[in-house]
Amino acid sequence: FGCTAGIAEMFVQSHTGVIELLPALPDVWKDGSVKGLRARGGFVIDELTWKDGKPVTVKIRATVKGQLKVSWNGTVKTIGKAKKNKTYTFAF
């Protein structure tokens, strides 16, 4: 399980309270997608697609109410009060 967790951390990190997208993406994985990753705070990454190392599609579902902050490359986008079972789409 440790290897799987390490790979997931390359796509999404959330230990600071902010969901950081693609924080450690290897250069050889320029294009790709993942689905179903969980983030701290009660959020699920329903879809994360990237091209040339940049997020193209980002859909995050809240499983509880709470603040949702998403970051990529220093840009942070915030949903003040995310609603339970609502999916939020982000563009960077």
PDB file of N, CA and C in Angstrom:
ATOM      1  N   PHE A   1       0.816  -1.204   0.000  1.00  0.00           N
ATOM      2  CA  PHE A   1       0.000   0.000   0.000  1.00  0.00           C
ATOM      3  C   PHE A   1       0.853   1.258   0.000  1.00  0.00           C
ATOM      4  N   GLY A   2       2.051   1.171   0.515  1.00  0.00           N
ATOM      5  CA  GLY A   2       2.923   2.344   0.574  1.00  0.00           C
ATOM      6  C   GLY A   2       3.284   2.865  -0.808  1.00  0.00           C
ATOM      7  N   CYS A   3       3.534   1.970  -1.738  1.00  0.00           N
ATOM      8  CA  CYS A   3       3.871   2.377  -3.101  1.00  0.00           C
ATOM      9  C   CYS A   3       2.683   3.084  -3.751  1.00  0.00           C
ATOM     10  N   THR A   4       1.494   2.525  -3.564  1.00  0.00           N
ATOM     11  CA  THR A   4       0.287   3.121  -4.136  1.00  0.00           C
ATOM     12  C   THR A   4       0.059   4.512  -3.571  1.00  0.00           C
ATOM     13  N   ALA A   5       0.225   4.672  -2.270  1.00  0.00           N
ATOM     14  CA  ALA A   5       0.057   5.987  -1.634  1.00  0.00           C
ATOM     15  C   ALA A   5       1.082   6.980  -2.169  1.00  0.00           C
ATOM     16  N   GLY A   6       2.297   6.513  -2.391  1.00  0.00           N
ATOM     17  CA  GLY A   6       3.338   7.389  -2.930  1.00  0.00           C
ATOM     18  C   GLY A   6       3.018   7.866  -4.340  1.00  0.00           C
ATOM     19  N   ILE A   7       2.480   6.975  -5.139  1.00  0.00           N
ATOM     20  CA  ILE A   7       2.095   7.357  -6.502  1.00  0.00           C
ATOM     21  C   ILE A   7       0.931   8.347  -6.450  1.00  0.00           C
ATOM     22  N   ALA A   8      -0.049   8.105  -5.596  1.00  0.00           N
ATOM     23  CA  ALA A   8      -1.183   9.027  -5.461  1.00  0.00           C
ATOM     24  C   ALA A   8      -0.713  10.412  -5.041  1.00  0.00           C
ATOM     25  N   GLU A   9       0.314  10.483  -4.187  1.00  0.00           N
ATOM     26  CA  GLU A   9       0.848  11.770  -3.731  1.00  0.00           C
ATOM     27  C   GLU A   9       1.511  12.555  -4.863  1.00  0.00           C
ATOM     28  N   MET A  10       1.908  11.880  -5.931  1.00  0.00           N
ATOM     29  CA  MET A  10       2.464  12.597  -7.085  1.00  0.00           C
ATOM     30  C   MET A  10       1.364  13.381  -7.809  1.00  0.00           C
ATOM     31  N   PHE A  11       0.135  12.891  -7.714  1.00  0.00           N
ATOM     32  CA  PHE A  11      -0.997  13.530  -8.396  1.00  0.00           C
ATOM     33  C   PHE A  11      -1.699  14.569  -7.533  1.00  0.00           C
ATOM     34  N   VAL A  12      -1.897  14.237  -6.256  1.00  0.00           N
ATOM     35  CA  VAL A  12      -2.660  15.111  -5.355  1.00  0.00           C
ATOM     36  C   VAL A  12      -2.063  15.040  -3.961  1.00  0.00           C
ATOM     37  N   GLN A  13      -1.865  16.208  -3.352  1.00  0.00           N
ATOM     38  CA  GLN A  13      -1.470  16.291  -1.943  1.00  0.00           C
ATOM     39  C   GLN A  13      -2.438  17.231  -1.247  1.00  0.00           C
ATOM     40  N   SER A  14      -2.796  16.895  -0.009  1.00  0.00           N
ATOM     41  CA  SER A  14      -3.776  17.724   0.696  1.00  0.00           C
ATOM     42  C   SER A  14      -3.475  17.871   2.183  1.00  0.00           C
ATOM     43  N   HIS A  15      -2.289  17.535   2.617  1.00  0.00           N
ATOM     44  CA  HIS A  15      -1.970  17.566   4.047  1.00  0.00           C
ATOM     45  C   HIS A  15      -1.923  18.974   4.640  1.00  0.00           C
ATOM     46  N   THR A  16      -1.884  20.012   3.827  1.00  0.00           N
ATOM     47  CA  THR A  16      -1.845  21.390   4.342  1.00  0.00           C
ATOM     48  C   THR A  16      -3.234  22.024   4.412  1.00  0.00           C
ATOM     49  N   GLY A  17      -4.272  21.271   4.002  1.00  0.00           N
ATOM     50  CA  GLY A  17      -5.619  21.839   3.956  1.00  0.00           C
ATOM     51  C   GLY A  17      -5.958  22.406   2.594  1.00  0.00           C
ATOM     52  N   VAL A  18      -4.993  22.418   1.698  1.00  0.00           N
ATOM     53  CA  VAL A  18      -5.194  22.849   0.314  1.00  0.00           C
ATOM     54  C   VAL A  18      -4.947  21.634  -0.575  1.00  0.00           C
ATOM     55  N   ILE A  19      -5.823  21.394  -1.535  1.00  0.00           N
ATOM     56  CA  ILE A  19      -5.628  20.290  -2.467  1.00  0.00           C
ATOM     57  C   ILE A  19      -4.675  20.777  -3.550  1.00  0.00           C
ATOM     58  N   GLU A  20      -3.458  20.246  -3.534  1.00  0.00           N
ATOM     59  CA  GLU A  20      -2.437  20.627  -4.504  1.00  0.00           C
ATOM     60  C   GLU A  20      -2.442  19.622  -5.643  1.00  0.00           C
ATOM     61  N   LEU A  21      -2.627  20.136  -6.853  1.00  0.00           N
ATOM     62  CA  LEU A  21      -2.698  19.279  -8.031  1.00  0.00           C
ATOM     63  C   LEU A  21      -1.330  19.103  -8.676  1.00  0.00           C
ATOM     64  N   LEU A  22      -1.008  17.878  -8.994  1.00  0.00           N
ATOM     65  CA  LEU A  22       0.213  17.515  -9.719  1.00  0.00           C
ATOM     66  C   LEU A  22       1.487  18.082  -9.081  1.00  0.00           C
ATOM     67  N   PRO A  23       1.650  17.933  -7.757  1.00  0.00           N
ATOM     68  CA  PRO A  23       2.816  18.532  -7.102  1.00  0.00           C
ATOM     69  C   PRO A  23       4.137  17.851  -7.407  1.00  0.00           C
ATOM     70  N   ALA A  24       4.090  16.586  -7.818  1.00  0.00           N
ATOM     71  CA  ALA A  24       5.334  15.849  -8.058  1.00  0.00           C
ATOM     72  C   ALA A  24       5.210  14.974  -9.298  1.00  0.00           C
ATOM     73  N   LEU A  25       4.590  15.509 -10.318  1.00  0.00           N
ATOM     74  CA  LEU A  25       4.376  14.754 -11.542  1.00  0.00           C
ATOM     75  C   LEU A  25       5.700  14.550 -12.281  1.00  0.00           C
ATOM     76  N   PRO A  26       6.060  13.302 -12.578  1.00  0.00           N
ATOM     77  CA  PRO A  26       7.296  13.059 -13.319  1.00  0.00           C
ATOM     78  C   PRO A  26       7.221  13.675 -14.724  1.00  0.00           C
ATOM     79  N   ASP A  27       8.335  14.157 -15.219  1.00  0.00           N
ATOM     80  CA  ASP A  27       8.392  14.776 -16.548  1.00  0.00           C
ATOM     81  C   ASP A  27       7.931  13.837 -17.657  1.00  0.00           C
ATOM     82  N   VAL A  28       8.132  12.548 -17.482  1.00  0.00           N
ATOM     83  CA  VAL A  28       7.762  11.591 -18.525  1.00  0.00           C
ATOM     84  C   VAL A  28       6.255  11.351 -18.598  1.00  0.00           C
ATOM     85  N   TRP A  29       5.503  11.826 -17.604  1.00  0.00           N
ATOM     86  CA  TRP A  29       4.043  11.692 -17.600  1.00  0.00           C
ATOM     87  C   TRP A  29       3.411  13.030 -17.983  1.00  0.00           C
ATOM     88  N   LYS A  30       3.708  13.530 -19.142  1.00  0.00           N
ATOM     89  CA  LYS A  30       3.228  14.850 -19.571  1.00  0.00           C
ATOM     90  C   LYS A  30       1.717  14.900 -19.709  1.00  0.00           C
ATOM     91  N   ASP A  31       1.115  13.814 -20.162  1.00  0.00           N
ATOM     92  CA  ASP A  31      -0.326  13.755 -20.352  1.00  0.00           C
ATOM     93  C   ASP A  31      -0.881  12.567 -19.580  1.00  0.00           C
ATOM     94  N   GLY A  32      -2.099  12.722 -19.047  1.00  0.00           N
ATOM     95  CA  GLY A  32      -2.703  11.604 -18.340  1.00  0.00           C
ATOM     96  C   GLY A  32      -3.946  12.003 -17.585  1.00  0.00           C
ATOM     97  N   SER A  33      -4.459  11.055 -16.826  1.00  0.00           N
ATOM     98  CA  SER A  33      -5.639  11.325 -16.011  1.00  0.00           C
ATOM     99  C   SER A  33      -5.721  10.323 -14.870  1.00  0.00           C
ATOM    100  N   VAL A  34      -6.411  10.741 -13.808  1.00  0.00           N
ATOM    101  CA  VAL A  34      -6.709   9.868 -12.677  1.00  0.00           C
ATOM    102  C   VAL A  34      -8.133  10.163 -12.235  1.00  0.00           C
ATOM    103  N   LYS A  35      -8.726   9.185 -11.581  1.00  0.00           N
ATOM    104  CA  LYS A  35     -10.086   9.331 -11.065  1.00  0.00           C
ATOM    105  C   LYS A  35     -10.170   8.646  -9.714  1.00  0.00           C
ATOM    106  N   GLY A  36     -11.014   9.195  -8.850  1.00  0.00           N
ATOM    107  CA  GLY A  36     -11.328   8.522  -7.599  1.00  0.00           C
ATOM    108  C   GLY A  36     -10.352   8.697  -6.454  1.00  0.00           C
ATOM    109  N   LEU A  37      -9.404   9.615  -6.566  1.00  0.00           N
ATOM    110  CA  LEU A  37      -8.488   9.839  -5.452  1.00  0.00           C
ATOM    111  C   LEU A  37      -9.195  10.618  -4.347  1.00  0.00           C
ATOM    112  N   ARG A  38      -8.854  10.324  -3.104  1.00  0.00           N
ATOM    113  CA  ARG A  38      -9.434  11.031  -1.966  1.00  0.00           C
ATOM    114  C   ARG A  38      -8.455  12.063  -1.440  1.00  0.00           C
ATOM    115  N   ALA A  39      -9.023  13.178  -0.975  1.00  0.00           N
ATOM    116  CA  ALA A  39      -8.216  14.244  -0.385  1.00  0.00           C
ATOM    117  C   ALA A  39      -8.735  14.534   1.019  1.00  0.00           C
ATOM    118  N   ARG A  40      -7.862  15.039   1.867  1.00  0.00           N
ATOM    119  CA  ARG A  40      -8.267  15.385   3.233  1.00  0.00           C
ATOM    120  C   ARG A  40      -9.384  16.425   3.200  1.00  0.00           C
ATOM    121  N   GLY A  41     -10.201  16.400   4.237  1.00  0.00           N
ATOM    122  CA  GLY A  41     -11.287  17.366   4.349  1.00  0.00           C
ATOM    123  C   GLY A  41     -12.595  16.861   3.783  1.00  0.00           C
ATOM    124  N   GLY A  42     -12.626  15.616   3.292  1.00  0.00           N
ATOM    125  CA  GLY A  42     -13.860  15.047   2.770  1.00  0.00           C
ATOM    126  C   GLY A  42     -14.092  15.323   1.299  1.00  0.00           C
ATOM    127  N   PHE A  43     -13.027  15.299   0.500  1.00  0.00           N
ATOM    128  CA  PHE A  43     -13.155  15.579  -0.931  1.00  0.00           C
ATOM    129  C   PHE A  43     -12.674  14.393  -1.759  1.00  0.00           C
ATOM    130  N   VAL A  44     -13.315  14.201  -2.918  1.00  0.00           N
ATOM    131  CA  VAL A  44     -12.940  13.140  -3.849  1.00  0.00           C
ATOM    132  C   VAL A  44     -12.599  13.787  -5.186  1.00  0.00           C
ATOM    133  N   ILE A  45     -11.458  13.417  -5.731  1.00  0.00           N
ATOM    134  CA  ILE A  45     -11.067  13.887  -7.054  1.00  0.00           C
ATOM    135  C   ILE A  45     -11.770  12.966  -8.049  1.00  0.00           C
ATOM    136  N   ASP A  46     -12.929  13.394  -8.539  1.00  0.00           N
ATOM    137  CA  ASP A  46     -13.678  12.569  -9.483  1.00  0.00           C
ATOM    138  C   ASP A  46     -12.972  12.492 -10.826  1.00  0.00           C
ATOM    139  N   GLU A  47     -12.277  13.569 -11.185  1.00  0.00           N
ATOM    140  CA  GLU A  47     -11.528  13.548 -12.449  1.00  0.00           C
ATOM    141  C   GLU A  47     -10.423  14.597 -12.405  1.00  0.00           C
ATOM    142  N   LEU A  48      -9.240  14.173 -12.785  1.00  0.00           N
ATOM    143  CA  LEU A  48      -8.095  15.076 -12.951  1.00  0.00           C
ATOM    144  C   LEU A  48      -7.397  14.650 -14.234  1.00  0.00           C
ATOM    145  N   THR A  49      -7.487  15.496 -15.243  1.00  0.00           N
ATOM    146  CA  THR A  49      -6.846  15.239 -16.529  1.00  0.00           C
ATOM    147  C   THR A  49      -5.827  16.334 -16.777  1.00  0.00           C
ATOM    148  N   TRP A  50      -4.640  15.950 -17.275  1.00  0.00           N
ATOM    149  CA  TRP A  50      -3.616  16.956 -17.549  1.00  0.00           C
ATOM    150  C   TRP A  50      -3.011  16.732 -18.920  1.00  0.00           C
ATOM    151  N   LYS A  51      -2.531  17.824 -19.499  1.00  0.00           N
ATOM    152  CA  LYS A  51      -1.841  17.796 -20.794  1.00  0.00           C
ATOM    153  C   LYS A  51      -0.627  18.699 -20.674  1.00  0.00           C
ATOM    154  N   ASP A  52       0.513  18.230 -21.127  1.00  0.00           N
ATOM    155  CA  ASP A  52       1.777  18.966 -20.997  1.00  0.00           C
ATOM    156  C   ASP A  52       2.038  19.393 -19.556  1.00  0.00           C
ATOM    157  N   GLY A  53       1.646  18.542 -18.608  1.00  0.00           N
ATOM    158  CA  GLY A  53       1.890  18.795 -17.195  1.00  0.00           C
ATOM    159  C   GLY A  53       0.966  19.805 -16.552  1.00  0.00           C
ATOM    160  N   LYS A  54      -0.048  20.289 -17.288  1.00  0.00           N
ATOM    161  CA  LYS A  54      -0.978  21.300 -16.772  1.00  0.00           C
ATOM    162  C   LYS A  54      -2.380  20.701 -16.657  1.00  0.00           C
ATOM    163  N   PRO A  55      -3.067  20.953 -15.511  1.00  0.00           N
ATOM    164  CA  PRO A  55      -4.430  20.437 -15.364  1.00  0.00           C
ATOM    165  C   PRO A  55      -5.356  20.990 -16.453  1.00  0.00           C
ATOM    166  N   VAL A  56      -6.131  20.098 -17.063  1.00  0.00           N
ATOM    167  CA  VAL A  56      -7.096  20.487 -18.084  1.00  0.00           C
ATOM    168  C   VAL A  56      -8.514  20.360 -17.523  1.00  0.00           C
ATOM    169  N   THR A  57      -8.807  19.218 -16.921  1.00  0.00           N
ATOM    170  CA  THR A  57     -10.103  18.973 -16.302  1.00  0.00           C
ATOM    171  C   THR A  57      -9.889  18.639 -14.838  1.00  0.00           C
ATOM    172  N   VAL A  58     -10.565  19.369 -13.958  1.00  0.00           N
ATOM    173  CA  VAL A  58     -10.470  19.105 -12.529  1.00  0.00           C
ATOM    174  C   VAL A  58     -11.889  19.119 -11.964  1.00  0.00           C
ATOM    175  N   LYS A  59     -12.356  17.946 -11.518  1.00  0.00           N
ATOM    176  CA  LYS A  59     -13.684  17.839 -10.911  1.00  0.00           C
ATOM    177  C   LYS A  59     -13.517  17.245  -9.529  1.00  0.00           C
ATOM    178  N   ILE A  60     -13.946  18.014  -8.532  1.00  0.00           N
ATOM    179  CA  ILE A  60     -13.785  17.599  -7.138  1.00  0.00           C
ATOM    180  C   ILE A  60     -15.153  17.608  -6.469  1.00  0.00           C
ATOM    181  N   ARG A  61     -15.487  16.492  -5.816  1.00  0.00           N
ATOM    182  CA  ARG A  61     -16.774  16.342  -5.138  1.00  0.00           C
ATOM    183  C   ARG A  61     -16.570  16.427  -3.629  1.00  0.00           C
ATOM    184  N   ALA A  62     -17.429  17.203  -2.994  1.00  0.00           N
ATOM    185  CA  ALA A  62     -17.407  17.315  -1.536  1.00  0.00           C
ATOM    186  C   ALA A  62     -18.287  16.210  -0.946  1.00  0.00           C
ATOM    187  N   THR A  63     -17.757  15.472   0.015  1.00  0.00           N
ATOM    188  CA  THR A  63     -18.568  14.454   0.692  1.00  0.00           C
ATOM    189  C   THR A  63     -19.105  14.990   2.015  1.00  0.00           C
ATOM    190  N   VAL A  64     -18.620  16.152   2.419  1.00  0.00           N
ATOM    191  CA  VAL A  64     -19.099  16.863   3.606  1.00  0.00           C
ATOM    192  C   VAL A  64     -19.071  18.356   3.292  1.00  0.00           C
ATOM    193  N   LYS A  65     -19.702  19.151   4.129  1.00  0.00           N
ATOM    194  CA  LYS A  65     -19.619  20.602   3.962  1.00  0.00           C
ATOM    195  C   LYS A  65     -18.257  21.075   4.439  1.00  0.00           C
ATOM    196  N   GLY A  66     -17.721  22.109   3.810  1.00  0.00           N
ATOM    197  CA  GLY A  66     -16.447  22.652   4.269  1.00  0.00           C
ATOM    198  C   GLY A  66     -15.783  23.506   3.209  1.00  0.00           C
ATOM    199  N   GLN A  67     -14.704  24.133   3.624  1.00  0.00           N
ATOM    200  CA  GLN A  67     -13.964  24.992   2.702  1.00  0.00           C
ATOM    201  C   GLN A  67     -13.139  24.135   1.747  1.00  0.00           C
ATOM    202  N   LEU A  68     -13.182  24.501   0.475  1.00  0.00           N
ATOM    203  CA  LEU A  68     -12.440  23.781  -0.564  1.00  0.00           C
ATOM    204  C   LEU A  68     -11.446  24.740  -1.191  1.00  0.00           C
ATOM    205  N   LYS A  69     -10.167  24.412  -1.066  1.00  0.00           N
ATOM    206  CA  LYS A  69      -9.100  25.189  -1.692  1.00  0.00           C
ATOM    207  C   LYS A  69      -8.314  24.261  -2.601  1.00  0.00           C
ATOM    208  N   VAL A  70      -8.111  24.704  -3.830  1.00  0.00           N
ATOM    209  CA  VAL A  70      -7.395  23.908  -4.824  1.00  0.00           C
ATOM    210  C   VAL A  70      -6.258  24.749  -5.378  1.00  0.00           C
ATOM    211  N   SER A  71      -5.080  24.147  -5.499  1.00  0.00           N
ATOM    212  CA  SER A  71      -3.901  24.882  -5.936  1.00  0.00           C
ATOM    213  C   SER A  71      -3.177  24.139  -7.051  1.00  0.00           C
ATOM    214  N   TRP A  72      -2.670  24.912  -7.998  1.00  0.00           N
ATOM    215  CA  TRP A  72      -1.754  24.380  -9.006  1.00  0.00           C
ATOM    216  C   TRP A  72      -0.760  25.482  -9.364  1.00  0.00           C
ATOM    217  N   ASN A  73       0.507  25.158  -9.258  1.00  0.00           N
ATOM    218  CA  ASN A  73       1.580  26.054  -9.683  1.00  0.00           C
ATOM    219  C   ASN A  73       1.475  27.443  -9.035  1.00  0.00           C
ATOM    220  N   GLY A  74       1.094  27.470  -7.758  1.00  0.00           N
ATOM    221  CA  GLY A  74       1.025  28.732  -7.018  1.00  0.00           C
ATOM    222  C   GLY A  74      -0.297  29.467  -7.110  1.00  0.00           C
ATOM    223  N   THR A  75      -1.197  29.039  -7.986  1.00  0.00           N
ATOM    224  CA  THR A  75      -2.517  29.661  -8.098  1.00  0.00           C
ATOM    225  C   THR A  75      -3.500  28.882  -7.228  1.00  0.00           C
ATOM    226  N   VAL A  76      -4.178  29.595  -6.309  1.00  0.00           N
ATOM    227  CA  VAL A  76      -5.135  28.954  -5.403  1.00  0.00           C
ATOM    228  C   VAL A  76      -6.541  29.435  -5.738  1.00  0.00           C
ATOM    229  N   LYS A  77      -7.467  28.496  -5.846  1.00  0.00           N
ATOM    230  CA  LYS A  77      -8.882  28.814  -6.069  1.00  0.00           C
ATOM    231  C   LYS A  77      -9.658  28.280  -4.878  1.00  0.00           C
ATOM    232  N   THR A  78     -10.603  29.084  -4.372  1.00  0.00           N
ATOM    233  CA  THR A  78     -11.299  28.751  -3.130  1.00  0.00           C
ATOM    234  C   THR A  78     -12.806  28.746  -3.322  1.00  0.00           C
ATOM    235  N   ILE A  79     -13.443  27.730  -2.761  1.00  0.00           N
ATOM    236  CA  ILE A  79     -14.896  27.690  -2.608  1.00  0.00           C
ATOM    237  C   ILE A  79     -15.120  27.840  -1.107  1.00  0.00           C
ATOM    238  N   GLY A  80     -15.692  28.950  -0.698  1.00  0.00           N
ATOM    239  CA  GLY A  80     -15.838  29.251   0.732  1.00  0.00           C
ATOM    240  C   GLY A  80     -16.551  28.178   1.525  1.00  0.00           C
ATOM    241  N   LYS A  81     -17.695  27.746   1.055  1.00  0.00           N
ATOM    242  CA  LYS A  81     -18.449  26.711   1.754  1.00  0.00           C
ATOM    243  C   LYS A  81     -18.942  25.683   0.739  1.00  0.00           C
ATOM    244  N   ALA A  82     -18.146  24.675   0.533  1.00  0.00           N
ATOM    245  CA  ALA A  82     -18.525  23.609  -0.397  1.00  0.00           C
ATOM    246  C   ALA A  82     -19.727  22.870   0.187  1.00  0.00           C
ATOM    247  N   LYS A  83     -20.650  22.496  -0.679  1.00  0.00           N
ATOM    248  CA  LYS A  83     -21.856  21.784  -0.264  1.00  0.00           C
ATOM    249  C   LYS A  83     -21.669  20.286  -0.428  1.00  0.00           C
ATOM    250  N   LYS A  84     -22.182  19.535   0.539  1.00  0.00           N
ATOM    251  CA  LYS A  84     -22.088  18.086   0.521  1.00  0.00           C
ATOM    252  C   LYS A  84     -22.698  17.528  -0.771  1.00  0.00           C
ATOM    253  N   ASN A  85     -22.003  16.593  -1.389  1.00  0.00           N
ATOM    254  CA  ASN A  85     -22.415  15.880  -2.600  1.00  0.00           C
ATOM    255  C   ASN A  85     -22.443  16.748  -3.853  1.00  0.00           C
ATOM    256  N   LYS A  86     -21.876  17.939  -3.783  1.00  0.00           N
ATOM    257  CA  LYS A  86     -21.794  18.800  -4.972  1.00  0.00           C
ATOM    258  C   LYS A  86     -20.413  18.634  -5.601  1.00  0.00           C
ATOM    259  N   THR A  87     -20.377  18.633  -6.932  1.00  0.00           N
ATOM    260  CA  THR A  87     -19.120  18.535  -7.661  1.00  0.00           C
ATOM    261  C   THR A  87     -18.742  19.904  -8.182  1.00  0.00           C
ATOM    262  N   TYR A  88     -17.482  20.266  -7.991  1.00  0.00           N
ATOM    263  CA  TYR A  88     -16.952  21.565  -8.412  1.00  0.00           C
ATOM    264  C   TYR A  88     -15.923  21.336  -9.523  1.00  0.00           C
ATOM    265  N   THR A  89     -15.992  22.173 -10.541  1.00  0.00           N
ATOM    266  CA  THR A  89     -15.077  22.080 -11.676  1.00  0.00           C
ATOM    267  C   THR A  89     -14.148  23.286 -11.656  1.00  0.00           C
ATOM    268  N   PHE A  90     -12.874  23.020 -11.845  1.00  0.00           N
ATOM    269  CA  PHE A  90     -11.867  24.083 -11.819  1.00  0.00           C
ATOM    270  C   PHE A  90     -11.096  24.103 -13.122  1.00  0.00           C
ATOM    271  N   ALA A  91     -10.675  25.308 -13.517  1.00  0.00           N
ATOM    272  CA  ALA A  91      -9.820  25.481 -14.684  1.00  0.00           C
ATOM    273  C   ALA A  91      -8.601  26.273 -14.258  1.00  0.00           C
ATOM    274  N   PHE A  92      -7.441  25.877 -14.742  1.00  0.00           N
ATOM    275  CA  PHE A  92      -6.195  26.582 -14.415  1.00  0.00           C
ATOM    276  C   PHE A  92      -5.500  27.030 -15.678  1.00  0.00           C
TER     277      PHE A  92
END
